[in-house]
Amino acid sequence: PPRTFEEILRLLRSGAAHRAFYLLWDTGLLSVMLPELAAYLDDVGEERDVVWRRLLAVDRRVAKGALPNDAILLASLLQSPAEEYMDGEKDPALAFDSFVEDLAQRFTVPRRIRERMRILLSVQKRLRDGKVGNLARREFFSDCALLHGLDAEARGAAAPEWAYDVSRYVEPAQLKKQKRDKAAPKT
C-alpha cells in the first residue's frame, strides 16, 4: 500500500497526470488501483470531463513550476467521487473518513494528508457558493483556494483572483507566518 500511494503521487507530480490516469482508466488498471474513481468515471456523463479537466489544470500548474502539495494533488484527483460520496450526509467529515477508509485497503494515505484533504474537500461547496467569510483567516485557506481554482478551471468557470493569490484575503503577517511554516524543515 505505501508503494501504491507513492506511485499515485508520482503520476500526479509528473506534469502528465491527465494522460497517465486516462491510460490507467482506459486499460482497466484504474479499477484495480482506485475503483472508486474508476466507477465514478464509468457511471457519470459530462461530469467525468470535470475530472479530466481538473487533472489538466494540475498539469498546467506543474508545467509552470508551481507543484501543489500532496494533499491538493490527491484531493484534485478524488474530489468528484469524494463529493458524491459526501453529498447529502449529515456529517460530511465522517462520510469523508468512510470514503478514505475504503481507499486505505489499497494504499496508505498518511494521516496529515488525509486530514488536510478532509478540510480541503469539506469547504469546496462553500467556496463555489462564494462564501469565503472567516475561512480566509484559517491557515489552510491558501490550499483550499488553490483547489477551488483548479476546480473552477475544470468546470469552465473563471477562477476568482484569490484562488491563486490569497493575499487579497489574508493579512500580510499571516502570509509571512504561512511561508515560514512551509519553509521550516520537517522533522
N, C-alpha and C. Protein backbone atom coordinates (compact mmCIF):
# COMPACT_ATOMS: atom_id res chain seq x y z
N PRO A 1 0.79 -1.24 0.00
CA PRO A 1 0.00 0.00 0.00
C PRO A 1 0.82 1.30 0.00
N PRO A 2 1.91 1.39 0.79
CA PRO A 2 2.68 2.64 0.73
C PRO A 2 3.31 2.87 -0.65
N ARG A 3 3.71 1.81 -1.30
CA ARG A 3 4.30 1.95 -2.63
C ARG A 3 3.26 2.42 -3.64
N THR A 4 2.06 1.91 -3.55
CA THR A 4 0.98 2.33 -4.44
C THR A 4 0.70 3.82 -4.25
N PHE A 5 0.68 4.25 -2.99
CA PHE A 5 0.46 5.66 -2.69
C PHE A 5 1.54 6.52 -3.34
N GLU A 6 2.79 6.12 -3.20
CA GLU A 6 3.89 6.89 -3.80
C GLU A 6 3.80 6.93 -5.32
N GLU A 7 3.38 5.83 -5.93
CA GLU A 7 3.24 5.79 -7.38
C GLU A 7 2.12 6.72 -7.86
N ILE A 8 1.02 6.77 -7.12
CA ILE A 8 -0.08 7.68 -7.47
C ILE A 8 0.41 9.12 -7.39
N LEU A 9 1.13 9.45 -6.32
CA LEU A 9 1.67 10.81 -6.20
C LEU A 9 2.66 11.11 -7.32
N ARG A 10 3.47 10.13 -7.66
CA ARG A 10 4.45 10.33 -8.74
C ARG A 10 3.74 10.66 -10.05
N LEU A 11 2.66 9.97 -10.33
CA LEU A 11 1.88 10.26 -11.54
C LEU A 11 1.28 11.66 -11.49
N LEU A 12 0.78 12.06 -10.33
CA LEU A 12 0.18 13.38 -10.18
C LEU A 12 1.22 14.49 -10.29
N ARG A 13 2.44 14.23 -9.84
CA ARG A 13 3.50 15.24 -9.87
C ARG A 13 4.20 15.32 -11.22
N SER A 14 3.95 14.39 -12.10
CA SER A 14 4.73 14.24 -13.33
C SER A 14 4.53 15.34 -14.36
N GLY A 15 3.42 16.05 -14.28
CA GLY A 15 3.11 17.01 -15.33
C GLY A 15 2.33 16.36 -16.46
N ALA A 16 2.06 15.07 -16.32
CA ALA A 16 1.27 14.33 -17.31
C ALA A 16 0.21 13.49 -16.60
N ALA A 17 -0.35 14.05 -15.54
CA ALA A 17 -1.34 13.33 -14.74
C ALA A 17 -2.58 12.97 -15.58
N HIS A 18 -3.01 13.90 -16.40
CA HIS A 18 -4.19 13.64 -17.23
C HIS A 18 -3.96 12.41 -18.09
N ARG A 19 -2.87 12.39 -18.80
CA ARG A 19 -2.57 11.27 -19.71
C ARG A 19 -2.40 9.97 -18.93
N ALA A 20 -1.66 10.03 -17.83
CA ALA A 20 -1.39 8.82 -17.05
C ALA A 20 -2.67 8.21 -16.50
N PHE A 21 -3.53 9.01 -15.91
CA PHE A 21 -4.75 8.46 -15.32
C PHE A 21 -5.77 8.09 -16.39
N TYR A 22 -5.74 8.78 -17.53
CA TYR A 22 -6.63 8.37 -18.62
C TYR A 22 -6.21 6.99 -19.13
N LEU A 23 -4.93 6.77 -19.30
CA LEU A 23 -4.45 5.47 -19.76
C LEU A 23 -4.77 4.37 -18.74
N LEU A 24 -4.61 4.68 -17.45
CA LEU A 24 -4.98 3.71 -16.41
C LEU A 24 -6.46 3.36 -16.51
N TRP A 25 -7.29 4.38 -16.72
CA TRP A 25 -8.73 4.15 -16.82
C TRP A 25 -9.07 3.37 -18.09
N ASP A 26 -8.45 3.76 -19.20
CA ASP A 26 -8.72 3.14 -20.49
C ASP A 26 -8.33 1.66 -20.52
N THR A 27 -7.24 1.33 -19.83
CA THR A 27 -6.78 -0.06 -19.82
C THR A 27 -7.42 -0.91 -18.72
N GLY A 28 -8.17 -0.27 -17.84
CA GLY A 28 -8.82 -1.01 -16.76
C GLY A 28 -8.00 -1.11 -15.49
N LEU A 29 -6.78 -0.60 -15.49
CA LEU A 29 -5.94 -0.67 -14.30
C LEU A 29 -6.42 0.26 -13.20
N LEU A 30 -7.10 1.34 -13.57
CA LEU A 30 -7.59 2.26 -12.56
C LEU A 30 -8.63 1.58 -11.66
N SER A 31 -9.37 0.63 -12.21
CA SER A 31 -10.37 -0.07 -11.41
C SER A 31 -9.73 -0.96 -10.36
N VAL A 32 -8.45 -1.28 -10.53
CA VAL A 32 -7.72 -2.04 -9.52
C VAL A 32 -7.12 -1.10 -8.49
N MET A 33 -6.51 0.00 -8.96
CA MET A 33 -5.85 0.95 -8.07
C MET A 33 -6.84 1.82 -7.31
N LEU A 34 -7.77 2.40 -8.02
CA LEU A 34 -8.75 3.34 -7.44
C LEU A 34 -10.15 3.02 -7.97
N PRO A 35 -10.73 1.93 -7.50
CA PRO A 35 -12.05 1.54 -8.04
C PRO A 35 -13.13 2.60 -7.82
N GLU A 36 -13.02 3.41 -6.76
CA GLU A 36 -13.99 4.47 -6.52
C GLU A 36 -13.96 5.49 -7.66
N LEU A 37 -12.76 5.87 -8.07
CA LEU A 37 -12.61 6.83 -9.16
C LEU A 37 -13.02 6.19 -10.48
N ALA A 38 -12.60 4.96 -10.72
CA ALA A 38 -12.94 4.27 -11.97
C ALA A 38 -14.45 4.11 -12.10
N ALA A 39 -15.11 3.73 -11.02
CA ALA A 39 -16.57 3.57 -11.06
C ALA A 39 -17.25 4.90 -11.32
N TYR A 40 -16.74 5.95 -10.71
CA TYR A 40 -17.29 7.29 -10.93
C TYR A 40 -17.15 7.67 -12.41
N LEU A 41 -15.97 7.45 -12.97
CA LEU A 41 -15.73 7.80 -14.37
C LEU A 41 -16.58 6.96 -15.31
N ASP A 42 -16.85 5.72 -14.94
CA ASP A 42 -17.68 4.85 -15.78
C ASP A 42 -19.15 5.23 -15.72
N ASP A 43 -19.60 5.74 -14.57
CA ASP A 43 -21.03 5.98 -14.35
C ASP A 43 -21.52 7.35 -14.79
N VAL A 44 -20.71 8.37 -14.65
CA VAL A 44 -21.21 9.73 -14.93
C VAL A 44 -20.97 10.10 -16.38
N GLY A 45 -21.73 11.06 -16.85
CA GLY A 45 -21.60 11.52 -18.23
C GLY A 45 -20.66 12.70 -18.33
N GLU A 46 -21.25 13.89 -18.44
CA GLU A 46 -20.46 15.09 -18.63
C GLU A 46 -19.59 15.41 -17.42
N GLU A 47 -20.02 15.01 -16.24
CA GLU A 47 -19.26 15.31 -15.02
C GLU A 47 -17.89 14.63 -15.06
N ARG A 48 -17.77 13.56 -15.83
CA ARG A 48 -16.49 12.87 -15.98
C ARG A 48 -15.44 13.82 -16.56
N ASP A 49 -15.88 14.69 -17.48
CA ASP A 49 -14.95 15.62 -18.10
C ASP A 49 -14.34 16.58 -17.09
N VAL A 50 -15.07 16.88 -16.03
CA VAL A 50 -14.55 17.77 -14.99
C VAL A 50 -13.32 17.14 -14.34
N VAL A 51 -13.35 15.84 -14.11
CA VAL A 51 -12.20 15.14 -13.53
C VAL A 51 -10.99 15.29 -14.45
N TRP A 52 -11.21 15.03 -15.74
CA TRP A 52 -10.09 15.12 -16.69
C TRP A 52 -9.58 16.55 -16.81
N ARG A 53 -10.47 17.52 -16.83
CA ARG A 53 -10.02 18.92 -16.93
C ARG A 53 -9.33 19.38 -15.66
N ARG A 54 -9.73 18.85 -14.51
CA ARG A 54 -9.05 19.19 -13.26
C ARG A 54 -7.62 18.65 -13.30
N LEU A 55 -7.44 17.45 -13.84
CA LEU A 55 -6.08 16.92 -13.98
C LEU A 55 -5.26 17.73 -14.97
N LEU A 56 -5.88 18.22 -16.02
CA LEU A 56 -5.18 19.12 -16.96
C LEU A 56 -4.76 20.40 -16.25
N ALA A 57 -5.62 20.93 -15.39
CA ALA A 57 -5.27 22.14 -14.63
C ALA A 57 -4.08 21.87 -13.71
N VAL A 58 -4.05 20.70 -13.10
CA VAL A 58 -2.90 20.32 -12.26
C VAL A 58 -1.64 20.26 -13.13
N ASP A 59 -1.75 19.65 -14.30
CA ASP A 59 -0.60 19.55 -15.21
C ASP A 59 -0.09 20.94 -15.61
N ARG A 60 -1.01 21.88 -15.83
CA ARG A 60 -0.58 23.25 -16.18
C ARG A 60 0.17 23.88 -15.01
N ARG A 61 -0.29 23.67 -13.79
CA ARG A 61 0.41 24.20 -12.61
C ARG A 61 1.81 23.62 -12.52
N VAL A 62 1.92 22.32 -12.73
CA VAL A 62 3.22 21.65 -12.66
C VAL A 62 4.14 22.20 -13.75
N ALA A 63 3.60 22.40 -14.95
CA ALA A 63 4.41 22.94 -16.05
C ALA A 63 4.94 24.34 -15.74
N LYS A 64 4.17 25.11 -14.95
CA LYS A 64 4.62 26.46 -14.56
C LYS A 64 5.61 26.41 -13.41
N GLY A 65 5.90 25.23 -12.90
CA GLY A 65 6.81 25.10 -11.76
C GLY A 65 6.14 25.35 -10.43
N ALA A 66 4.82 25.30 -10.39
CA ALA A 66 4.07 25.55 -9.16
C ALA A 66 3.38 24.26 -8.72
N LEU A 67 4.18 23.29 -8.32
CA LEU A 67 3.65 21.99 -7.92
C LEU A 67 2.84 22.11 -6.64
N PRO A 68 1.55 21.76 -6.70
CA PRO A 68 0.73 21.78 -5.47
C PRO A 68 1.22 20.72 -4.48
N ASN A 69 0.87 20.89 -3.22
CA ASN A 69 1.28 19.89 -2.23
C ASN A 69 0.50 18.60 -2.43
N ASP A 70 0.92 17.54 -1.75
CA ASP A 70 0.35 16.21 -1.95
C ASP A 70 -1.14 16.16 -1.63
N ALA A 71 -1.57 16.87 -0.60
CA ALA A 71 -2.99 16.85 -0.24
C ALA A 71 -3.83 17.47 -1.35
N ILE A 72 -3.35 18.54 -1.96
CA ILE A 72 -4.09 19.17 -3.06
C ILE A 72 -4.10 18.26 -4.27
N LEU A 73 -2.98 17.62 -4.55
CA LEU A 73 -2.92 16.71 -5.69
C LEU A 73 -3.93 15.57 -5.54
N LEU A 74 -3.92 14.93 -4.38
CA LEU A 74 -4.86 13.82 -4.16
C LEU A 74 -6.31 14.31 -4.13
N ALA A 75 -6.53 15.45 -3.50
CA ALA A 75 -7.88 15.99 -3.45
C ALA A 75 -8.39 16.33 -4.85
N SER A 76 -7.51 16.86 -5.70
CA SER A 76 -7.95 17.19 -7.06
C SER A 76 -8.29 15.93 -7.85
N LEU A 77 -7.58 14.85 -7.60
CA LEU A 77 -7.86 13.58 -8.27
C LEU A 77 -9.18 12.98 -7.79
N LEU A 78 -9.40 13.01 -6.49
CA LEU A 78 -10.53 12.31 -5.89
C LEU A 78 -11.72 13.20 -5.54
N GLN A 79 -11.64 14.49 -5.89
CA GLN A 79 -12.66 15.43 -5.47
C GLN A 79 -14.07 15.02 -5.91
N SER A 80 -14.24 14.68 -7.16
CA SER A 80 -15.59 14.38 -7.66
C SER A 80 -16.20 13.15 -6.99
N PRO A 81 -15.50 12.00 -6.94
CA PRO A 81 -16.13 10.86 -6.26
C PRO A 81 -16.29 11.09 -4.75
N ALA A 82 -15.37 11.81 -4.14
CA ALA A 82 -15.48 12.07 -2.70
C ALA A 82 -16.67 12.98 -2.42
N GLU A 83 -16.86 14.01 -3.24
CA GLU A 83 -18.00 14.90 -3.04
C GLU A 83 -19.31 14.16 -3.27
N GLU A 84 -19.33 13.27 -4.25
CA GLU A 84 -20.54 12.47 -4.48
C GLU A 84 -20.83 11.59 -3.26
N TYR A 85 -19.78 11.04 -2.69
CA TYR A 85 -19.91 10.18 -1.51
C TYR A 85 -20.42 10.97 -0.30
N MET A 86 -19.93 12.20 -0.16
CA MET A 86 -20.28 13.03 0.99
C MET A 86 -21.60 13.77 0.81
N ASP A 87 -22.09 13.87 -0.43
CA ASP A 87 -23.29 14.66 -0.72
C ASP A 87 -24.49 14.15 0.06
N GLY A 88 -25.16 15.07 0.73
CA GLY A 88 -26.36 14.74 1.46
C GLY A 88 -26.14 14.12 2.83
N GLU A 89 -24.90 13.92 3.21
CA GLU A 89 -24.61 13.33 4.51
C GLU A 89 -24.74 14.39 5.60
N LYS A 90 -25.19 13.97 6.75
CA LYS A 90 -25.32 14.87 7.89
C LYS A 90 -23.96 15.38 8.34
N ASP A 91 -23.00 14.49 8.38
CA ASP A 91 -21.64 14.83 8.79
C ASP A 91 -20.68 14.52 7.65
N PRO A 92 -20.39 15.51 6.77
CA PRO A 92 -19.51 15.26 5.63
C PRO A 92 -18.12 14.78 6.03
N ALA A 93 -17.61 15.25 7.16
CA ALA A 93 -16.27 14.82 7.59
C ALA A 93 -16.27 13.33 7.90
N LEU A 94 -17.30 12.85 8.55
CA LEU A 94 -17.42 11.43 8.85
C LEU A 94 -17.58 10.62 7.56
N ALA A 95 -18.35 11.14 6.63
CA ALA A 95 -18.51 10.47 5.33
C ALA A 95 -17.18 10.42 4.60
N PHE A 96 -16.40 11.50 4.67
CA PHE A 96 -15.09 11.51 4.03
C PHE A 96 -14.19 10.44 4.65
N ASP A 97 -14.22 10.33 5.97
CA ASP A 97 -13.42 9.30 6.65
C ASP A 97 -13.78 7.91 6.16
N SER A 98 -15.05 7.67 5.96
CA SER A 98 -15.52 6.39 5.45
C SER A 98 -15.02 6.17 4.02
N PHE A 99 -15.06 7.22 3.21
CA PHE A 99 -14.56 7.15 1.83
C PHE A 99 -13.08 6.79 1.82
N VAL A 100 -12.29 7.45 2.66
CA VAL A 100 -10.85 7.21 2.71
C VAL A 100 -10.54 5.83 3.30
N GLU A 101 -11.38 5.38 4.21
CA GLU A 101 -11.19 4.05 4.79
C GLU A 101 -11.25 2.98 3.71
N ASP A 102 -12.15 3.15 2.75
CA ASP A 102 -12.23 2.21 1.63
C ASP A 102 -10.95 2.26 0.80
N LEU A 103 -10.41 3.46 0.60
CA LEU A 103 -9.17 3.61 -0.16
C LEU A 103 -7.99 2.96 0.55
N ALA A 104 -8.01 3.02 1.88
CA ALA A 104 -6.88 2.53 2.68
C ALA A 104 -6.63 1.04 2.51
N GLN A 105 -7.58 0.33 1.95
CA GLN A 105 -7.37 -1.09 1.69
C GLN A 105 -6.37 -1.31 0.56
N ARG A 106 -6.23 -0.31 -0.31
CA ARG A 106 -5.33 -0.45 -1.45
C ARG A 106 -4.07 0.40 -1.35
N PHE A 107 -4.16 1.53 -0.69
CA PHE A 107 -2.95 2.34 -0.49
C PHE A 107 -3.07 3.14 0.79
N THR A 108 -1.93 3.43 1.35
CA THR A 108 -1.85 4.11 2.64
C THR A 108 -1.77 5.61 2.43
N VAL A 109 -2.73 6.33 2.99
CA VAL A 109 -2.70 7.79 2.96
C VAL A 109 -2.30 8.25 4.35
N PRO A 110 -1.14 8.91 4.48
CA PRO A 110 -0.72 9.39 5.80
C PRO A 110 -1.79 10.27 6.43
N ARG A 111 -1.88 10.21 7.75
CA ARG A 111 -2.92 10.92 8.47
C ARG A 111 -2.92 12.41 8.19
N ARG A 112 -1.75 13.05 8.15
CA ARG A 112 -1.71 14.50 7.93
C ARG A 112 -2.27 14.87 6.55
N ILE A 113 -2.04 14.04 5.56
CA ILE A 113 -2.58 14.30 4.22
C ILE A 113 -4.09 14.03 4.21
N ARG A 114 -4.50 12.96 4.85
CA ARG A 114 -5.92 12.61 4.93
C ARG A 114 -6.71 13.73 5.62
N GLU A 115 -6.17 14.24 6.73
CA GLU A 115 -6.85 15.32 7.45
C GLU A 115 -6.92 16.60 6.63
N ARG A 116 -5.84 16.90 5.92
CA ARG A 116 -5.84 18.10 5.08
C ARG A 116 -6.83 17.94 3.93
N MET A 117 -6.90 16.76 3.35
CA MET A 117 -7.86 16.51 2.28
C MET A 117 -9.30 16.68 2.79
N ARG A 118 -9.56 16.20 3.99
CA ARG A 118 -10.90 16.34 4.57
C ARG A 118 -11.29 17.82 4.65
N ILE A 119 -10.36 18.64 5.12
CA ILE A 119 -10.62 20.08 5.23
C ILE A 119 -10.83 20.68 3.84
N LEU A 120 -9.91 20.36 2.92
CA LEU A 120 -9.98 20.93 1.57
C LEU A 120 -11.30 20.62 0.90
N LEU A 121 -11.71 19.37 0.98
CA LEU A 121 -12.92 18.96 0.27
C LEU A 121 -14.20 19.41 0.98
N SER A 122 -14.14 19.53 2.29
CA SER A 122 -15.36 19.91 3.01
C SER A 122 -15.75 21.37 2.81
N VAL A 123 -14.83 22.22 2.37
CA VAL A 123 -15.17 23.64 2.18
C VAL A 123 -15.36 24.02 0.72
N GLN A 124 -15.19 23.10 -0.20
CA GLN A 124 -15.27 23.46 -1.62
C GLN A 124 -16.66 23.95 -2.03
N LYS A 125 -17.71 23.32 -1.54
CA LYS A 125 -19.06 23.77 -1.89
C LYS A 125 -19.28 25.20 -1.40
N ARG A 126 -18.79 25.47 -0.22
CA ARG A 126 -18.92 26.81 0.35
C ARG A 126 -18.18 27.84 -0.52
N LEU A 127 -16.99 27.48 -0.98
CA LEU A 127 -16.23 28.39 -1.85
C LEU A 127 -16.92 28.55 -3.20
N ARG A 128 -17.48 27.45 -3.74
CA ARG A 128 -18.21 27.54 -5.01
C ARG A 128 -19.39 28.50 -4.91
N ASP A 129 -19.99 28.55 -3.73
CA ASP A 129 -21.11 29.45 -3.50
C ASP A 129 -20.65 30.88 -3.21
N GLY A 130 -19.32 31.11 -3.19
CA GLY A 130 -18.77 32.44 -2.97
C GLY A 130 -18.75 32.86 -1.52
N LYS A 131 -18.86 31.92 -0.61
CA LYS A 131 -18.89 32.24 0.82
C LYS A 131 -17.52 32.01 1.45
N VAL A 132 -16.64 32.97 1.27
CA VAL A 132 -15.29 32.86 1.82
C VAL A 132 -15.31 33.12 3.32
N GLY A 133 -15.93 34.21 3.72
CA GLY A 133 -16.09 34.54 5.14
C GLY A 133 -14.83 34.39 5.96
N ASN A 134 -14.96 33.72 7.10
CA ASN A 134 -13.82 33.59 8.00
C ASN A 134 -12.83 32.50 7.58
N LEU A 135 -13.10 31.80 6.50
CA LEU A 135 -12.13 30.82 6.00
C LEU A 135 -10.80 31.48 5.66
N ALA A 136 -10.87 32.73 5.22
CA ALA A 136 -9.66 33.44 4.82
C ALA A 136 -8.67 33.61 5.96
N ARG A 137 -9.14 33.52 7.18
CA ARG A 137 -8.23 33.67 8.33
C ARG A 137 -7.66 32.35 8.80
N ARG A 138 -8.06 31.28 8.19
CA ARG A 138 -7.59 29.95 8.61
C ARG A 138 -6.29 29.63 7.90
N GLU A 139 -5.42 28.87 8.56
CA GLU A 139 -4.11 28.56 7.99
C GLU A 139 -4.21 27.71 6.72
N PHE A 140 -5.29 27.02 6.52
CA PHE A 140 -5.44 26.15 5.36
C PHE A 140 -6.09 26.85 4.16
N PHE A 141 -6.40 28.13 4.29
CA PHE A 141 -7.14 28.82 3.24
C PHE A 141 -6.41 28.82 1.90
N SER A 142 -5.11 29.01 1.88
CA SER A 142 -4.41 29.05 0.59
C SER A 142 -4.53 27.73 -0.15
N ASP A 143 -4.49 26.60 0.58
CA ASP A 143 -4.66 25.29 -0.07
C ASP A 143 -6.09 25.12 -0.58
N CYS A 144 -7.06 25.54 0.23
CA CYS A 144 -8.47 25.45 -0.18
C CYS A 144 -8.72 26.32 -1.42
N ALA A 145 -8.12 27.50 -1.42
CA ALA A 145 -8.29 28.42 -2.54
C ALA A 145 -7.69 27.85 -3.82
N LEU A 146 -6.51 27.23 -3.70
CA LEU A 146 -5.88 26.65 -4.88
C LEU A 146 -6.72 25.50 -5.44
N LEU A 147 -7.20 24.62 -4.58
CA LEU A 147 -8.06 23.54 -5.06
C LEU A 147 -9.33 24.10 -5.70
N HIS A 148 -9.87 25.15 -5.11
CA HIS A 148 -11.06 25.80 -5.68
C HIS A 148 -10.73 26.35 -7.07
N GLY A 149 -9.56 26.95 -7.23
CA GLY A 149 -9.16 27.48 -8.53
C GLY A 149 -9.03 26.39 -9.58
N LEU A 150 -8.42 25.27 -9.19
CA LEU A 150 -8.29 24.13 -10.12
C LEU A 150 -9.66 23.61 -10.52
N ASP A 151 -10.56 23.53 -9.55
CA ASP A 151 -11.92 23.04 -9.83
C ASP A 151 -12.68 24.02 -10.71
N ALA A 152 -12.54 25.31 -10.44
CA ALA A 152 -13.22 26.31 -11.26
C ALA A 152 -12.75 26.23 -12.71
N GLU A 153 -11.44 26.09 -12.91
CA GLU A 153 -10.90 25.92 -14.27
C GLU A 153 -11.52 24.70 -14.94
N ALA A 154 -11.60 23.60 -14.19
CA ALA A 154 -12.13 22.36 -14.73
C ALA A 154 -13.60 22.49 -15.12
N ARG A 155 -14.33 23.32 -14.40
CA ARG A 155 -15.75 23.49 -14.68
C ARG A 155 -16.01 24.57 -15.73
N GLY A 156 -14.93 25.16 -16.25
CA GLY A 156 -15.07 26.18 -17.29
C GLY A 156 -15.46 27.54 -16.75
N ALA A 157 -15.37 27.70 -15.45
CA ALA A 157 -15.69 29.00 -14.83
C ALA A 157 -14.38 29.76 -14.61
N ALA A 158 -14.49 31.05 -14.53
CA ALA A 158 -13.31 31.86 -14.24
C ALA A 158 -12.96 31.67 -12.76
N ALA A 159 -11.72 31.32 -12.51
CA ALA A 159 -11.28 31.17 -11.12
C ALA A 159 -11.17 32.56 -10.51
N PRO A 160 -11.67 32.74 -9.30
CA PRO A 160 -11.54 34.05 -8.67
C PRO A 160 -10.07 34.41 -8.47
N GLU A 161 -9.77 35.70 -8.47
CA GLU A 161 -8.37 36.14 -8.37
C GLU A 161 -7.70 35.63 -7.10
N TRP A 162 -8.44 35.44 -6.04
CA TRP A 162 -7.86 34.98 -4.78
C TRP A 162 -7.53 33.49 -4.79
N ALA A 163 -8.00 32.77 -5.81
CA ALA A 163 -7.73 31.33 -5.85
C ALA A 163 -6.23 31.05 -5.98
N TYR A 164 -5.53 31.89 -6.70
CA TYR A 164 -4.09 31.68 -6.89
C TYR A 164 -3.24 32.71 -6.16
N ASP A 165 -3.90 33.73 -5.60
CA ASP A 165 -3.20 34.74 -4.82
C ASP A 165 -4.09 35.13 -3.65
N VAL A 166 -3.88 34.47 -2.52
CA VAL A 166 -4.76 34.67 -1.37
C VAL A 166 -4.46 35.96 -0.62
N SER A 167 -3.49 36.72 -1.07
CA SER A 167 -3.13 37.95 -0.35
C SER A 167 -4.29 38.93 -0.28
N ARG A 168 -5.26 38.79 -1.17
CA ARG A 168 -6.44 39.68 -1.12
C ARG A 168 -7.22 39.48 0.18
N TYR A 169 -7.22 38.26 0.68
CA TYR A 169 -7.99 37.96 1.87
C TYR A 169 -7.14 37.76 3.11
N VAL A 170 -5.90 37.36 2.92
CA VAL A 170 -5.05 37.01 4.06
C VAL A 170 -4.20 38.20 4.44
N GLU A 171 -4.14 38.49 5.72
CA GLU A 171 -3.34 39.61 6.20
C GLU A 171 -1.85 39.32 5.98
N PRO A 172 -1.03 40.33 5.66
CA PRO A 172 0.39 40.13 5.39
C PRO A 172 1.12 39.37 6.49
N ALA A 173 0.86 39.65 7.74
CA ALA A 173 1.54 38.94 8.83
C ALA A 173 1.21 37.45 8.80
N GLN A 174 -0.01 37.12 8.47
CA GLN A 174 -0.40 35.71 8.40
C GLN A 174 0.26 35.03 7.21
N LEU A 175 0.40 35.75 6.08
CA LEU A 175 1.10 35.20 4.92
C LEU A 175 2.55 34.88 5.26
N LYS A 176 3.22 35.80 5.98
CA LYS A 176 4.60 35.57 6.36
C LYS A 176 4.72 34.33 7.24
N LYS A 177 3.79 34.17 8.18
CA LYS A 177 3.81 33.01 9.05
C LYS A 177 3.61 31.73 8.25
N GLN A 178 2.70 31.76 7.27
CA GLN A 178 2.48 30.58 6.44
C GLN A 178 3.73 30.23 5.64
N LYS A 179 4.42 31.25 5.10
CA LYS A 179 5.65 31.00 4.34
C LYS A 179 6.73 30.43 5.25
N ARG A 180 6.84 30.97 6.48
CA ARG A 180 7.82 30.45 7.44
C ARG A 180 7.51 29.00 7.77
N ASP A 181 6.23 28.70 7.98
CA ASP A 181 5.83 27.34 8.32
C ASP A 181 6.16 26.37 7.19
N LYS A 182 5.94 26.79 5.94
CA LYS A 182 6.24 25.93 4.80
C LYS A 182 7.75 25.75 4.60
N ALA A 183 8.51 26.82 4.90
CA ALA A 183 9.96 26.78 4.70
C ALA A 183 10.67 26.06 5.81
N ALA A 184 10.03 25.92 6.96
CA ALA A 184 10.68 25.26 8.11
C ALA A 184 10.94 23.80 7.78
N PRO A 185 12.14 23.30 8.14
CA PRO A 185 12.45 21.90 7.85
C PRO A 185 11.52 20.98 8.63
N LYS A 186 11.08 19.93 7.97
CA LYS A 186 10.18 18.98 8.59
C LYS A 186 11.01 17.92 9.31
N THR A 187 10.56 17.58 10.50
CA THR A 187 11.28 16.59 11.28
C THR A 187 10.60 15.25 11.24
